[in-house]
Amino acid sequence: MNIRIGYGWDSHAFKPGVPLKIGGLSIDHPEGLAGHSDGDVLLHAITDALLGAVSVGDIGSFFPPGDARWKDADSSIFLNLALEEIRNAGYRIVNVDTTLVLAAPKIGPIAGEMRDRVAELLGIKPSDVGIKAKTPEGLNADHVAQAHAVVLLQKIENADDLRVMEASIESEEEIEKVLQKIGTQAHDIDPRPALKPLFDTDDIT
């Protein structure tokens, strides 16, 4: 199958004295989200959506909440593992759509910045990331933040796409260099190298 869809959901209660982090952004707010890691409800939902799309389990399968190594861990670590899993499965992200459900803080004023940050973490364009926010009206959940995420993946069919995906691209000029290199080597493409893990979970404390 060339297309796969993944859905993720997560929820964390607010807690005084904890920094608030959502979508990889540190947000000025009197309360943060309780959790074993940094409590980033949005990155957790996206991570589960990615893992579910390639049927490899969920975030708890890889990072058990009772494991002391993940205490206060940055949730981008979890996201990086999910990205590695979809690359190993031979897929790339087409787009991601998300919805946050929380009474406060207001997400609208920072939605653009959050979208840019999530896109950066995923290695895709901001235009391929949707960030929406709703209030939990009628849900009796004013002290909880929830996140829903849906991802669309596409099978990578040729080595050219893999080279663009795996390249470290930081600007349009770098993209152009990669594309030019692909054009000159279109008939002499090396086999895809084995992917190295982005990190060694045994070494993380």
C-alpha atoms as a PDB file:
ATOM      1  CA  MET A   1       0.000   0.000   0.000  1.00  0.00           C
ATOM      2  CA  ASN A   2       1.376   3.413  -0.976  1.00  0.00           C
ATOM      3  CA  ILE A   3      -0.571   5.497   1.564  1.00  0.00           C
ATOM      4  CA  ARG A   4      -0.964   4.992   5.310  1.00  0.00           C
ATOM      5  CA  ILE A   5      -2.848   7.009   7.927  1.00  0.00           C
ATOM      6  CA  GLY A   6      -2.058   7.244  11.637  1.00  0.00           C
ATOM      7  CA  TYR A   7      -4.092   8.681  14.504  1.00  0.00           C
ATOM      8  CA  GLY A   8      -2.782   9.699  17.918  1.00  0.00           C
ATOM      9  CA  TRP A   9      -4.359  11.099  21.085  1.00  0.00           C
ATOM     10  CA  ASP A  10      -2.919  12.159  24.408  1.00  0.00           C
ATOM     11  CA  SER A  11      -4.052  13.912  27.577  1.00  0.00           C
ATOM     12  CA  HIS A  12      -2.261  15.500  30.533  1.00  0.00           C
ATOM     13  CA  ALA A  13      -3.552  17.346  33.580  1.00  0.00           C
ATOM     14  CA  PHE A  14      -2.232  20.774  34.468  1.00  0.00           C
ATOM     15  CA  LYS A  15       0.033  21.028  37.515  1.00  0.00           C
ATOM     16  CA  PRO A  16       1.397  24.085  39.356  1.00  0.00           C
ATOM     17  CA  GLY A  17       5.154  24.595  39.446  1.00  0.00           C
ATOM     18  CA  VAL A  18       5.815  22.710  36.213  1.00  0.00           C
ATOM     19  CA  PRO A  19       7.054  24.391  32.994  1.00  0.00           C
ATOM     20  CA  LEU A  20       4.513  24.301  30.175  1.00  0.00           C
ATOM     21  CA  LYS A  21       5.682  22.887  26.873  1.00  0.00           C
ATOM     22  CA  ILE A  22       3.383  22.200  23.930  1.00  0.00           C
ATOM     23  CA  GLY A  23       4.441  21.465  20.367  1.00  0.00           C
ATOM     24  CA  GLY A  24       8.084  21.862  21.281  1.00  0.00           C
ATOM     25  CA  LEU A  25       7.489  25.421  22.502  1.00  0.00           C
ATOM     26  CA  SER A  26       8.027  26.691  26.031  1.00  0.00           C
ATOM     27  CA  ILE A  27       4.924  28.707  26.931  1.00  0.00           C
ATOM     28  CA  ASP A  28       4.593  31.288  29.689  1.00  0.00           C
ATOM     29  CA  HIS A  29       1.757  29.982  31.875  1.00  0.00           C
ATOM     30  CA  PRO A  30       1.228  29.541  35.639  1.00  0.00           C
ATOM     31  CA  GLU A  31       0.888  25.763  35.257  1.00  0.00           C
ATOM     32  CA  GLY A  32       2.524  23.107  33.166  1.00  0.00           C
ATOM     33  CA  LEU A  33       1.445  19.613  32.192  1.00  0.00           C
ATOM     34  CA  ALA A  34       2.053  16.747  34.578  1.00  0.00           C
ATOM     35  CA  GLY A  35       3.800  13.729  33.128  1.00  0.00           C
ATOM     36  CA  HIS A  36       6.792  11.473  33.466  1.00  0.00           C
ATOM     37  CA  SER A  37       8.522  13.327  30.618  1.00  0.00           C
ATOM     38  CA  ASP A  38       8.080  17.031  29.837  1.00  0.00           C
ATOM     39  CA  GLY A  39       4.337  16.419  29.314  1.00  0.00           C
ATOM     40  CA  ASP A  40       4.263  17.770  25.740  1.00  0.00           C
ATOM     41  CA  VAL A  41       0.785  16.537  24.896  1.00  0.00           C
ATOM     42  CA  LEU A  42       0.975  17.574  21.228  1.00  0.00           C
ATOM     43  CA  LEU A  43       4.286  15.861  20.445  1.00  0.00           C
ATOM     44  CA  HIS A  44       3.056  12.756  22.248  1.00  0.00           C
ATOM     45  CA  ALA A  45      -0.059  12.608  20.069  1.00  0.00           C
ATOM     46  CA  ILE A  46       1.971  13.117  16.884  1.00  0.00           C
ATOM     47  CA  THR A  47       4.454  10.464  17.976  1.00  0.00           C
ATOM     48  CA  ASP A  48       1.645   7.943  18.518  1.00  0.00           C
ATOM     49  CA  ALA A  49       0.109   8.838  15.158  1.00  0.00           C
ATOM     50  CA  LEU A  50       3.406   8.175  13.376  1.00  0.00           C
ATOM     51  CA  LEU A  51       4.048   4.902  15.212  1.00  0.00           C
ATOM     52  CA  GLY A  52       0.487   3.756  14.597  1.00  0.00           C
ATOM     53  CA  ALA A  53       0.687   4.535  10.891  1.00  0.00           C
ATOM     54  CA  VAL A  54       3.457   1.954  10.448  1.00  0.00           C
ATOM     55  CA  SER A  55       1.980  -0.461  13.043  1.00  0.00           C
ATOM     56  CA  VAL A  56       4.937  -0.592  15.437  1.00  0.00           C
ATOM     57  CA  GLY A  57       3.160   0.093  18.720  1.00  0.00           C
ATOM     58  CA  ASP A  58       2.790   3.284  20.702  1.00  0.00           C
ATOM     59  CA  ILE A  59       4.914   5.688  22.699  1.00  0.00           C
ATOM     60  CA  GLY A  60       4.592   3.593  25.860  1.00  0.00           C
ATOM     61  CA  SER A  61       5.981   0.542  24.051  1.00  0.00           C
ATOM     62  CA  PHE A  62       9.278   2.322  23.456  1.00  0.00           C
ATOM     63  CA  PHE A  63       9.378   4.634  26.473  1.00  0.00           C
ATOM     64  CA  PRO A  64       7.642   3.042  29.493  1.00  0.00           C
ATOM     65  CA  PRO A  65       6.433   5.741  31.903  1.00  0.00           C
ATOM     66  CA  GLY A  66       7.953   3.863  34.841  1.00  0.00           C
ATOM     67  CA  ASP A  67      11.460   3.992  33.357  1.00  0.00           C
ATOM     68  CA  ALA A  68      13.579   6.541  35.231  1.00  0.00           C
ATOM     69  CA  ARG A  69      15.573   7.310  32.066  1.00  0.00           C
ATOM     70  CA  TRP A  70      12.623   9.240  30.654  1.00  0.00           C
ATOM     71  CA  LYS A  71      11.973  11.372  33.740  1.00  0.00           C
ATOM     72  CA  ASP A  72      11.527  14.973  32.497  1.00  0.00           C
ATOM     73  CA  ALA A  73      12.807  13.902  29.042  1.00  0.00           C
ATOM     74  CA  ASP A  74      12.361  16.236  26.087  1.00  0.00           C
ATOM     75  CA  SER A  75       9.520  14.795  23.983  1.00  0.00           C
ATOM     76  CA  SER A  76      11.442  15.483  20.769  1.00  0.00           C
ATOM     77  CA  ILE A  77      13.401  12.321  21.686  1.00  0.00           C
ATOM     78  CA  PHE A  78      10.188  10.312  21.354  1.00  0.00           C
ATOM     79  CA  LEU A  79       9.323  12.043  18.099  1.00  0.00           C
ATOM     80  CA  ASN A  80      12.762  11.314  16.646  1.00  0.00           C
ATOM     81  CA  LEU A  81      12.313   7.613  17.289  1.00  0.00           C
ATOM     82  CA  ALA A  82       8.944   7.666  15.499  1.00  0.00           C
ATOM     83  CA  LEU A  83      10.548   9.434  12.528  1.00  0.00           C
ATOM     84  CA  GLU A  84      13.231   6.754  12.412  1.00  0.00           C
ATOM     85  CA  GLU A  85      10.568   4.050  12.429  1.00  0.00           C
ATOM     86  CA  ILE A  86       8.697   5.507   9.456  1.00  0.00           C
ATOM     87  CA  ARG A  87      11.954   5.944   7.525  1.00  0.00           C
ATOM     88  CA  ASN A  88      12.878   2.333   8.237  1.00  0.00           C
ATOM     89  CA  ALA A  89       9.455   1.310   6.951  1.00  0.00           C
ATOM     90  CA  GLY A  90      10.107   3.282   3.752  1.00  0.00           C
ATOM     91  CA  TYR A  91       7.576   6.083   4.211  1.00  0.00           C
ATOM     92  CA  ARG A  92       7.634   9.859   4.322  1.00  0.00           C
ATOM     93  CA  ILE A  93       5.241  12.357   5.903  1.00  0.00           C
ATOM     94  CA  VAL A  94       2.795  14.020   3.521  1.00  0.00           C
ATOM     95  CA  ASN A  95       1.018  16.146   6.105  1.00  0.00           C
ATOM     96  CA  VAL A  96       0.024  16.303   9.768  1.00  0.00           C
ATOM     97  CA  ASP A  97      -3.180  17.753  11.181  1.00  0.00           C
ATOM     98  CA  THR A  98      -3.681  18.334  14.900  1.00  0.00           C
ATOM     99  CA  THR A  99      -6.279  19.675  17.337  1.00  0.00           C
ATOM    100  CA  LEU A 100      -5.563  20.839  20.872  1.00  0.00           C
ATOM    101  CA  VAL A 101      -8.415  20.872  23.391  1.00  0.00           C
ATOM    102  CA  LEU A 102      -7.749  23.076  26.422  1.00  0.00           C
ATOM    103  CA  ALA A 103      -9.270  26.014  28.274  1.00  0.00           C
ATOM    104  CA  ALA A 104      -5.987  27.927  28.619  1.00  0.00           C
ATOM    105  CA  PRO A 105      -3.581  29.211  27.507  1.00  0.00           C
ATOM    106  CA  LYS A 106      -4.934  30.584  24.251  1.00  0.00           C
ATOM    107  CA  ILE A 107      -3.213  28.848  21.358  1.00  0.00           C
ATOM    108  CA  GLY A 108      -4.392  31.164  18.574  1.00  0.00           C
ATOM    109  CA  PRO A 109      -1.741  33.877  19.140  1.00  0.00           C
ATOM    110  CA  ILE A 110       1.102  31.322  19.042  1.00  0.00           C
ATOM    111  CA  ALA A 111      -0.359  28.834  16.550  1.00  0.00           C
ATOM    112  CA  GLY A 112       1.922  30.044  13.743  1.00  0.00           C
ATOM    113  CA  GLU A 113       5.047  29.732  15.876  1.00  0.00           C
ATOM    114  CA  MET A 114       3.923  26.308  17.085  1.00  0.00           C
ATOM    115  CA  ARG A 115       3.293  25.161  13.525  1.00  0.00           C
ATOM    116  CA  ASP A 116       6.777  26.275  12.487  1.00  0.00           C
ATOM    117  CA  ARG A 117       8.342  24.423  15.418  1.00  0.00           C
ATOM    118  CA  VAL A 118       6.436  21.196  14.771  1.00  0.00           C
ATOM    119  CA  ALA A 119       7.328  21.381  11.076  1.00  0.00           C
ATOM    120  CA  GLU A 120      10.981  21.868  11.996  1.00  0.00           C
ATOM    121  CA  LEU A 121      10.947  18.836  14.286  1.00  0.00           C
ATOM    122  CA  LEU A 122       9.256  16.703  11.625  1.00  0.00           C
ATOM    123  CA  GLY A 123      11.456  17.914   8.776  1.00  0.00           C
ATOM    124  CA  ILE A 124       8.508  19.070   6.659  1.00  0.00           C
ATOM    125  CA  LYS A 125       7.117  22.408   5.486  1.00  0.00           C
ATOM    126  CA  PRO A 126       4.956  24.511   7.822  1.00  0.00           C
ATOM    127  CA  SER A 127       2.237  24.401   5.162  1.00  0.00           C
ATOM    128  CA  ASP A 128       2.071  20.634   5.749  1.00  0.00           C
ATOM    129  CA  VAL A 129       1.253  21.051   9.449  1.00  0.00           C
ATOM    130  CA  GLY A 130      -2.177  21.929  10.816  1.00  0.00           C
ATOM    131  CA  ILE A 131      -2.509  23.371  14.333  1.00  0.00           C
ATOM    132  CA  LYS A 132      -6.022  23.973  15.651  1.00  0.00           C
ATOM    133  CA  ALA A 133      -7.319  24.639  19.156  1.00  0.00           C
ATOM    134  CA  LYS A 134     -10.725  24.192  20.788  1.00  0.00           C
ATOM    135  CA  THR A 135     -12.039  24.866  24.279  1.00  0.00           C
ATOM    136  CA  PRO A 136     -13.395  21.862  26.221  1.00  0.00           C
ATOM    137  CA  GLU A 137     -16.895  23.331  26.428  1.00  0.00           C
ATOM    138  CA  GLY A 138     -19.276  20.908  28.107  1.00  0.00           C
ATOM    139  CA  LEU A 139     -16.569  18.308  28.737  1.00  0.00           C
ATOM    140  CA  ASN A 140     -15.814  19.221  32.353  1.00  0.00           C
ATOM    141  CA  ALA A 141     -12.112  19.137  31.447  1.00  0.00           C
ATOM    142  CA  ASP A 142     -10.943  22.704  32.092  1.00  0.00           C
ATOM    143  CA  HIS A 143      -7.856  21.523  33.982  1.00  0.00           C
ATOM    144  CA  VAL A 144      -6.717  19.108  31.289  1.00  0.00           C
ATOM    145  CA  ALA A 145      -4.990  19.499  27.915  1.00  0.00           C
ATOM    146  CA  GLN A 146      -5.806  17.016  25.171  1.00  0.00           C
ATOM    147  CA  ALA A 147      -4.292  16.625  21.717  1.00  0.00           C
ATOM    148  CA  HIS A 148      -5.495  14.764  18.636  1.00  0.00           C
ATOM    149  CA  ALA A 149      -3.205  14.152  15.649  1.00  0.00           C
ATOM    150  CA  VAL A 150      -3.666  12.587  12.232  1.00  0.00           C
ATOM    151  CA  VAL A 151      -0.766  11.898   9.864  1.00  0.00           C
ATOM    152  CA  LEU A 152      -0.680  10.879   6.234  1.00  0.00           C
ATOM    153  CA  LEU A 153       2.334   8.879   5.040  1.00  0.00           C
ATOM    154  CA  GLN A 154       3.374   8.016   1.504  1.00  0.00           C
ATOM    155  CA  LYS A 155       5.574   5.135   0.415  1.00  0.00           C
ATOM    156  CA  ILE A 156       8.975   6.230  -0.861  1.00  0.00           C
ATOM    157  CA  GLU A 157       9.285   4.628  -4.264  1.00  0.00           C
ATOM    158  CA  ASN A 158      12.759   5.617  -5.426  1.00  0.00           C
ATOM    159  CA  ALA A 159      16.219   6.453  -4.155  1.00  0.00           C
ATOM    160  CA  ASP A 160      15.911  10.087  -5.267  1.00  0.00           C
ATOM    161  CA  ASP A 161      13.171  10.703  -2.714  1.00  0.00           C
ATOM    162  CA  LEU A 162      15.242   8.962  -0.065  1.00  0.00           C
ATOM    163  CA  ARG A 163      18.226  11.190  -0.726  1.00  0.00           C
ATOM    164  CA  VAL A 164      16.123  14.338  -0.346  1.00  0.00           C
ATOM    165  CA  MET A 165      14.492  12.967   2.816  1.00  0.00           C
ATOM    166  CA  GLU A 166      17.737  11.933   4.472  1.00  0.00           C
ATOM    167  CA  ALA A 167      19.708  15.023   3.462  1.00  0.00           C
ATOM    168  CA  SER A 168      20.357  17.651   6.101  1.00  0.00           C
ATOM    169  CA  ILE A 169      18.580  20.596   4.474  1.00  0.00           C
ATOM    170  CA  GLU A 170      18.591  23.983   6.097  1.00  0.00           C
ATOM    171  CA  SER A 171      17.799  26.338   3.220  1.00  0.00           C
ATOM    172  CA  GLU A 172      16.414  26.545  -0.302  1.00  0.00           C
ATOM    173  CA  GLU A 173      19.991  26.708  -1.604  1.00  0.00           C
ATOM    174  CA  GLU A 174      20.763  23.373   0.056  1.00  0.00           C
ATOM    175  CA  ILE A 175      17.616  21.860  -1.450  1.00  0.00           C
ATOM    176  CA  GLU A 176      18.715  23.046  -4.894  1.00  0.00           C
ATOM    177  CA  LYS A 177      22.163  21.478  -4.423  1.00  0.00           C
ATOM    178  CA  VAL A 178      20.608  18.149  -3.496  1.00  0.00           C
ATOM    179  CA  LEU A 179      18.244  18.225  -6.456  1.00  0.00           C
ATOM    180  CA  GLN A 180      21.055  19.133  -8.855  1.00  0.00           C
ATOM    181  CA  LYS A 181      23.155  16.250  -7.515  1.00  0.00           C
ATOM    182  CA  ILE A 182      20.251  13.876  -8.018  1.00  0.00           C
ATOM    183  CA  GLY A 183      19.845  15.100 -11.591  1.00  0.00           C
ATOM    184  CA  THR A 184      23.466  14.461 -12.481  1.00  0.00           C
ATOM    185  CA  GLN A 185      23.453  11.015 -10.860  1.00  0.00           C
ATOM    186  CA  ALA A 186      20.007   9.844 -11.951  1.00  0.00           C
ATOM    187  CA  HIS A 187      21.447   6.870 -13.797  1.00  0.00           C
ATOM    188  CA  ASP A 188      24.033   5.946 -11.201  1.00  0.00           C
ATOM    189  CA  ILE A 189      22.288   5.868  -7.831  1.00  0.00           C
ATOM    190  CA  ASP A 190      24.068   4.153  -4.992  1.00  0.00           C
ATOM    191  CA  PRO A 191      22.132   1.710  -2.814  1.00  0.00           C
ATOM    192  CA  ARG A 192      20.497   3.265   0.210  1.00  0.00           C
ATOM    193  CA  PRO A 193      22.846   3.088   3.216  1.00  0.00           C
ATOM    194  CA  ALA A 194      21.622   1.412   6.369  1.00  0.00           C
ATOM    195  CA  LEU A 195      20.023   3.924   8.707  1.00  0.00           C
ATOM    196  CA  LYS A 196      21.813   4.470  11.971  1.00  0.00           C
ATOM    197  CA  PRO A 197      19.688   5.029  15.088  1.00  0.00           C
ATOM    198  CA  LEU A 198      19.290   8.667  16.005  1.00  0.00           C
ATOM    199  CA  PHE A 199      20.176   7.830  19.573  1.00  0.00           C
ATOM    200  CA  ASP A 200      21.014   4.881  21.796  1.00  0.00           C
ATOM    201  CA  THR A 201      18.326   4.494  24.431  1.00  0.00           C
ATOM    202  CA  ASP A 202      20.772   2.610  26.650  1.00  0.00           C
ATOM    203  CA  ASP A 203      22.951   5.703  26.887  1.00  0.00           C
ATOM    204  CA  ILE A 204      20.235   8.199  27.790  1.00  0.00           C
ATOM    205  CA  THR A 205      19.913   9.078  31.447  1.00  0.00           C
END
